[in-house]
Amino acid sequence: MTSGFTDQADLDALFSATYDELRRLAFLIKRRHSSATLNPTALVHEAWLKLSASNGVSSASPLHFKRIAARAMRQVLIDDIRRRKTAKRGGSNDVLVAMDLSSEPIIATDDELIALDSSLEKLAQMNPRQATVVESRFFGGLEMAEIAEFLGISEATVLRDWRAAKAWLAQEVRKG
């Protein structure tokens, strides 16, 4: 794995500066997915391994960093589910999925969360901005104002994209 950093000191400084934000995101994800097998510390470390291999992370703005951290967390979570399914260890396959952050999470199976990930990939092909809104909000915990600032659009547009994407994703997950 090749890092985009010139030396270990740069990498260590970035990790120290971003660790708290990664932990916040990991606790947010763990709260939404309480049966996920990765604890927040493991999730942070796995996500950091993905982030540290990426070029340009050290020069990312705080909002851009949150965005790419959300993607890394999503990938780690989905990879963990796939590993567990492959290992066929048994036990509960339920995870919590809440597309509406203001309501109680709903119970969904690992298969449904993988279907959500797959549907989000399809959405990214059709409407990349809506996919970015969902990923930033759902996996990154960003507020609508932060997403609007990051994307350079109004909060009203972000809210419209969020609602449209949630409806489309719900339909896709039900079909799958």
C-alpha atoms as a PDB file:
ATOM      1  CA  MET A   1       0.000   0.000   0.000  1.00  0.00           C
ATOM      2  CA  THR A   2       1.499   3.307  -1.064  1.00  0.00           C
ATOM      3  CA  SER A   3       0.851   6.398   1.014  1.00  0.00           C
ATOM      4  CA  GLY A   4       0.494   9.868  -0.449  1.00  0.00           C
ATOM      5  CA  PHE A   5       2.635  11.293   2.352  1.00  0.00           C
ATOM      6  CA  THR A   6       6.270  12.299   2.105  1.00  0.00           C
ATOM      7  CA  ASP A   7       7.291  10.972   5.490  1.00  0.00           C
ATOM      8  CA  GLN A   8       6.020   9.263   8.612  1.00  0.00           C
ATOM      9  CA  ALA A   9       5.978  12.561  10.544  1.00  0.00           C
ATOM     10  CA  ASP A  10       3.411  14.033   8.111  1.00  0.00           C
ATOM     11  CA  LEU A  11       1.281  10.913   8.425  1.00  0.00           C
ATOM     12  CA  ASP A  12       1.481  10.930  12.234  1.00  0.00           C
ATOM     13  CA  ALA A  13       0.566  14.624  12.410  1.00  0.00           C
ATOM     14  CA  LEU A  14      -2.467  14.110  10.185  1.00  0.00           C
ATOM     15  CA  PHE A  15      -3.595  11.089  12.198  1.00  0.00           C
ATOM     16  CA  SER A  16      -3.373  13.074  15.438  1.00  0.00           C
ATOM     17  CA  ALA A  17      -5.286  15.975  13.918  1.00  0.00           C
ATOM     18  CA  THR A  18      -8.037  13.781  12.499  1.00  0.00           C
ATOM     19  CA  TYR A  19      -8.359  11.053  15.125  1.00  0.00           C
ATOM     20  CA  ASP A  20     -11.074  12.832  17.120  1.00  0.00           C
ATOM     21  CA  GLU A  21     -13.187  13.429  14.004  1.00  0.00           C
ATOM     22  CA  LEU A  22     -12.811   9.804  12.952  1.00  0.00           C
ATOM     23  CA  ARG A  23     -13.843   8.646  16.441  1.00  0.00           C
ATOM     24  CA  ARG A  24     -16.899  10.923  16.326  1.00  0.00           C
ATOM     25  CA  LEU A  25     -17.925   9.413  12.996  1.00  0.00           C
ATOM     26  CA  ALA A  26     -17.258   5.877  14.278  1.00  0.00           C
ATOM     27  CA  PHE A  27     -19.432   6.414  17.367  1.00  0.00           C
ATOM     28  CA  LEU A  28     -22.169   7.860  15.159  1.00  0.00           C
ATOM     29  CA  ILE A  29     -22.047   4.810  12.901  1.00  0.00           C
ATOM     30  CA  LYS A  30     -21.878   2.428  15.872  1.00  0.00           C
ATOM     31  CA  ARG A  31     -24.939   4.122  17.376  1.00  0.00           C
ATOM     32  CA  ARG A  32     -26.854   3.625  14.131  1.00  0.00           C
ATOM     33  CA  HIS A  33     -25.517   0.106  13.579  1.00  0.00           C
ATOM     34  CA  SER A  34     -25.368  -1.201  17.141  1.00  0.00           C
ATOM     35  CA  SER A  35     -24.922  -4.832  16.123  1.00  0.00           C
ATOM     36  CA  ALA A  36     -21.954  -4.098  13.870  1.00  0.00           C
ATOM     37  CA  THR A  37     -19.049  -6.229  15.000  1.00  0.00           C
ATOM     38  CA  LEU A  38     -16.392  -3.551  14.678  1.00  0.00           C
ATOM     39  CA  ASN A  39     -16.025  -1.395  17.764  1.00  0.00           C
ATOM     40  CA  PRO A  40     -15.450   2.344  17.202  1.00  0.00           C
ATOM     41  CA  THR A  41     -11.683   2.055  17.743  1.00  0.00           C
ATOM     42  CA  ALA A  42     -11.360  -0.750  15.192  1.00  0.00           C
ATOM     43  CA  LEU A  43     -13.570   1.167  12.769  1.00  0.00           C
ATOM     44  CA  VAL A  44     -11.367   4.266  13.161  1.00  0.00           C
ATOM     45  CA  HIS A  45      -8.193   2.279  12.582  1.00  0.00           C
ATOM     46  CA  GLU A  46      -9.584   0.471   9.539  1.00  0.00           C
ATOM     47  CA  ALA A  47     -10.865   3.749   8.087  1.00  0.00           C
ATOM     48  CA  TRP A  48      -7.525   5.421   8.801  1.00  0.00           C
ATOM     49  CA  LEU A  49      -5.703   2.700   6.862  1.00  0.00           C
ATOM     50  CA  LYS A  50      -7.921   3.476   3.871  1.00  0.00           C
ATOM     51  CA  LEU A  51      -7.490   7.235   4.279  1.00  0.00           C
ATOM     52  CA  SER A  52      -3.727   7.146   4.746  1.00  0.00           C
ATOM     53  CA  ALA A  53      -3.370   5.286   1.440  1.00  0.00           C
ATOM     54  CA  SER A  54      -5.192   8.096  -0.377  1.00  0.00           C
ATOM     55  CA  ASN A  55      -3.391  10.920  -2.094  1.00  0.00           C
ATOM     56  CA  GLY A  56      -4.444  14.416  -1.141  1.00  0.00           C
ATOM     57  CA  VAL A  57      -5.904  13.637   2.278  1.00  0.00           C
ATOM     58  CA  SER A  58      -3.355  15.825   4.032  1.00  0.00           C
ATOM     59  CA  SER A  59      -4.389  18.872   1.995  1.00  0.00           C
ATOM     60  CA  ALA A  60      -8.144  18.289   2.283  1.00  0.00           C
ATOM     61  CA  SER A  61     -10.333  20.964   3.827  1.00  0.00           C
ATOM     62  CA  PRO A  62     -12.209  19.933   6.994  1.00  0.00           C
ATOM     63  CA  LEU A  63     -15.442  19.420   5.042  1.00  0.00           C
ATOM     64  CA  HIS A  64     -13.713  17.476   2.297  1.00  0.00           C
ATOM     65  CA  PHE A  65     -11.996  15.345   4.935  1.00  0.00           C
ATOM     66  CA  LYS A  66     -15.361  14.550   6.552  1.00  0.00           C
ATOM     67  CA  ARG A  67     -16.680  13.570   3.131  1.00  0.00           C
ATOM     68  CA  ILE A  68     -13.845  11.170   2.350  1.00  0.00           C
ATOM     69  CA  ALA A  69     -13.898   9.850   5.922  1.00  0.00           C
ATOM     70  CA  ALA A  70     -17.593   9.049   5.461  1.00  0.00           C
ATOM     71  CA  ARG A  71     -16.743   7.053   2.341  1.00  0.00           C
ATOM     72  CA  ALA A  72     -13.968   5.197   4.173  1.00  0.00           C
ATOM     73  CA  MET A  73     -16.321   4.366   7.063  1.00  0.00           C
ATOM     74  CA  ARG A  74     -18.939   3.128   4.599  1.00  0.00           C
ATOM     75  CA  GLN A  75     -16.403   0.905   2.860  1.00  0.00           C
ATOM     76  CA  VAL A  76     -15.110  -0.513   6.141  1.00  0.00           C
ATOM     77  CA  LEU A  77     -18.635  -1.228   7.389  1.00  0.00           C
ATOM     78  CA  ILE A  78     -19.683  -2.962   4.159  1.00  0.00           C
ATOM     79  CA  ASP A  79     -16.392  -4.896   3.959  1.00  0.00           C
ATOM     80  CA  ASP A  80     -16.926  -6.093   7.535  1.00  0.00           C
ATOM     81  CA  ILE A  81     -20.430  -7.326   6.714  1.00  0.00           C
ATOM     82  CA  ARG A  82     -19.149  -9.137   3.630  1.00  0.00           C
ATOM     83  CA  ARG A  83     -16.347 -10.769   5.659  1.00  0.00           C
ATOM     84  CA  ARG A  84     -18.820 -11.924   8.296  1.00  0.00           C
ATOM     85  CA  LYS A  85     -21.172 -13.312   5.659  1.00  0.00           C
ATOM     86  CA  THR A  86     -18.303 -15.156   3.986  1.00  0.00           C
ATOM     87  CA  ALA A  87     -17.108 -16.591   7.277  1.00  0.00           C
ATOM     88  CA  LYS A  88     -20.650 -17.772   8.079  1.00  0.00           C
ATOM     89  CA  ARG A  89     -20.041 -17.470  11.799  1.00  0.00           C
ATOM     90  CA  GLY A  90     -23.718 -17.491  12.655  1.00  0.00           C
ATOM     91  CA  GLY A  91     -25.402 -15.214  15.113  1.00  0.00           C
ATOM     92  CA  SER A  92     -27.592 -12.275  14.297  1.00  0.00           C
ATOM     93  CA  ASN A  93     -27.236 -10.645  10.919  1.00  0.00           C
ATOM     94  CA  ASP A  94     -29.281  -7.634  11.973  1.00  0.00           C
ATOM     95  CA  VAL A  95     -27.860  -4.145  11.768  1.00  0.00           C
ATOM     96  CA  LEU A  96     -29.588  -0.847  12.393  1.00  0.00           C
ATOM     97  CA  VAL A  97     -30.266   1.356   9.406  1.00  0.00           C
ATOM     98  CA  ALA A  98     -31.727   4.835   9.782  1.00  0.00           C
ATOM     99  CA  MET A  99     -32.151   6.826   6.615  1.00  0.00           C
ATOM    100  CA  ASP A 100     -33.990   9.518   8.545  1.00  0.00           C
ATOM    101  CA  LEU A 101     -31.567  10.752  11.169  1.00  0.00           C
ATOM    102  CA  SER A 102     -34.365  12.326  13.197  1.00  0.00           C
ATOM    103  CA  SER A 103     -36.259   9.084  13.737  1.00  0.00           C
ATOM    104  CA  GLU A 104     -35.585   5.794  15.416  1.00  0.00           C
ATOM    105  CA  PRO A 105     -33.465   3.387  13.421  1.00  0.00           C
ATOM    106  CA  ILE A 106     -35.154   0.471  11.739  1.00  0.00           C
ATOM    107  CA  ILE A 107     -33.851  -3.077  11.899  1.00  0.00           C
ATOM    108  CA  ALA A 108     -32.377  -4.325   8.663  1.00  0.00           C
ATOM    109  CA  THR A 109     -30.387  -7.399   7.813  1.00  0.00           C
ATOM    110  CA  ASP A 110     -26.826  -7.410   6.602  1.00  0.00           C
ATOM    111  CA  ASP A 111     -28.248  -8.264   3.189  1.00  0.00           C
ATOM    112  CA  GLU A 112     -30.382  -5.111   3.255  1.00  0.00           C
ATOM    113  CA  LEU A 113     -27.397  -2.959   4.202  1.00  0.00           C
ATOM    114  CA  ILE A 114     -25.410  -4.479   1.333  1.00  0.00           C
ATOM    115  CA  ALA A 115     -28.419  -3.807  -0.924  1.00  0.00           C
ATOM    116  CA  LEU A 116     -28.375  -0.192   0.313  1.00  0.00           C
ATOM    117  CA  ASP A 117     -24.688   0.061  -0.567  1.00  0.00           C
ATOM    118  CA  SER A 118     -25.330  -1.418  -4.008  1.00  0.00           C
ATOM    119  CA  SER A 119     -28.269   0.924  -4.565  1.00  0.00           C
ATOM    120  CA  LEU A 120     -26.138   3.871  -3.486  1.00  0.00           C
ATOM    121  CA  GLU A 121     -23.603   2.875  -6.155  1.00  0.00           C
ATOM    122  CA  LYS A 122     -26.418   2.858  -8.758  1.00  0.00           C
ATOM    123  CA  LEU A 123     -27.591   6.244  -7.542  1.00  0.00           C
ATOM    124  CA  ALA A 124     -24.046   7.579  -7.897  1.00  0.00           C
ATOM    125  CA  GLN A 125     -24.144   6.610 -11.575  1.00  0.00           C
ATOM    126  CA  MET A 126     -27.482   8.364 -12.136  1.00  0.00           C
ATOM    127  CA  ASN A 127     -27.157  11.334  -9.797  1.00  0.00           C
ATOM    128  CA  PRO A 128     -23.712  11.729  -8.184  1.00  0.00           C
ATOM    129  CA  ARG A 129     -24.772  14.757  -6.136  1.00  0.00           C
ATOM    130  CA  GLN A 130     -27.664  12.886  -4.497  1.00  0.00           C
ATOM    131  CA  ALA A 131     -25.337   9.977  -3.731  1.00  0.00           C
ATOM    132  CA  THR A 132     -22.851  12.391  -2.168  1.00  0.00           C
ATOM    133  CA  VAL A 133     -25.615  13.908  -0.038  1.00  0.00           C
ATOM    134  CA  VAL A 134     -26.714  10.481   1.227  1.00  0.00           C
ATOM    135  CA  GLU A 135     -23.196   9.247   1.913  1.00  0.00           C
ATOM    136  CA  SER A 136     -22.217  12.494   3.645  1.00  0.00           C
ATOM    137  CA  ARG A 137     -25.347  12.539   5.773  1.00  0.00           C
ATOM    138  CA  PHE A 138     -25.815   8.848   6.490  1.00  0.00           C
ATOM    139  CA  PHE A 139     -22.232   7.654   6.883  1.00  0.00           C
ATOM    140  CA  GLY A 140     -20.534  10.953   7.727  1.00  0.00           C
ATOM    141  CA  GLY A 141     -23.102  12.553   9.977  1.00  0.00           C
ATOM    142  CA  LEU A 142     -22.759  15.910   8.220  1.00  0.00           C
ATOM    143  CA  GLU A 143     -25.470  18.474   8.730  1.00  0.00           C
ATOM    144  CA  MET A 144     -27.404  19.820   5.762  1.00  0.00           C
ATOM    145  CA  ALA A 145     -25.566  23.160   6.030  1.00  0.00           C
ATOM    146  CA  GLU A 146     -22.178  21.419   5.910  1.00  0.00           C
ATOM    147  CA  ILE A 147     -23.185  19.388   2.874  1.00  0.00           C
ATOM    148  CA  ALA A 148     -24.505  22.526   1.157  1.00  0.00           C
ATOM    149  CA  GLU A 149     -21.243  24.345   1.830  1.00  0.00           C
ATOM    150  CA  PHE A 150     -19.151  21.409   0.622  1.00  0.00           C
ATOM    151  CA  LEU A 151     -21.168  21.021  -2.586  1.00  0.00           C
ATOM    152  CA  GLY A 152     -21.610  24.767  -3.156  1.00  0.00           C
ATOM    153  CA  ILE A 153     -25.408  24.556  -3.316  1.00  0.00           C
ATOM    154  CA  SER A 154     -28.255  25.809  -1.139  1.00  0.00           C
ATOM    155  CA  GLU A 155     -29.538  23.935   1.891  1.00  0.00           C
ATOM    156  CA  ALA A 156     -32.942  23.731   0.194  1.00  0.00           C
ATOM    157  CA  THR A 157     -31.337  21.900  -2.734  1.00  0.00           C
ATOM    158  CA  VAL A 158     -29.553  19.539  -0.355  1.00  0.00           C
ATOM    159  CA  LEU A 159     -32.845  18.831   1.415  1.00  0.00           C
ATOM    160  CA  ARG A 160     -34.593  18.142  -1.923  1.00  0.00           C
ATOM    161  CA  ASP A 161     -31.752  15.837  -2.971  1.00  0.00           C
ATOM    162  CA  TRP A 162     -31.887  14.066   0.423  1.00  0.00           C
ATOM    163  CA  ARG A 163     -35.629  13.451   0.167  1.00  0.00           C
ATOM    164  CA  ALA A 164     -35.485  12.297  -3.452  1.00  0.00           C
ATOM    165  CA  ALA A 165     -32.519  10.019  -2.809  1.00  0.00           C
ATOM    166  CA  LYS A 166     -34.129   8.481   0.294  1.00  0.00           C
ATOM    167  CA  ALA A 167     -37.289   7.689  -1.663  1.00  0.00           C
ATOM    168  CA  TRP A 168     -35.367   6.221  -4.592  1.00  0.00           C
ATOM    169  CA  LEU A 169     -33.075   4.179  -2.323  1.00  0.00           C
ATOM    170  CA  ALA A 170     -35.992   2.823  -0.285  1.00  0.00           C
ATOM    171  CA  GLN A 171     -37.660   1.652  -3.490  1.00  0.00           C
ATOM    172  CA  GLU A 172     -34.431   0.074  -4.770  1.00  0.00           C
ATOM    173  CA  VAL A 173     -33.708  -1.728  -1.501  1.00  0.00           C
ATOM    174  CA  ARG A 174     -37.277  -3.115  -1.441  1.00  0.00           C
ATOM    175  CA  LYS A 175     -36.843  -4.374  -5.024  1.00  0.00           C
ATOM    176  CA  GLY A 176     -33.530  -6.025  -4.162  1.00  0.00           C
END
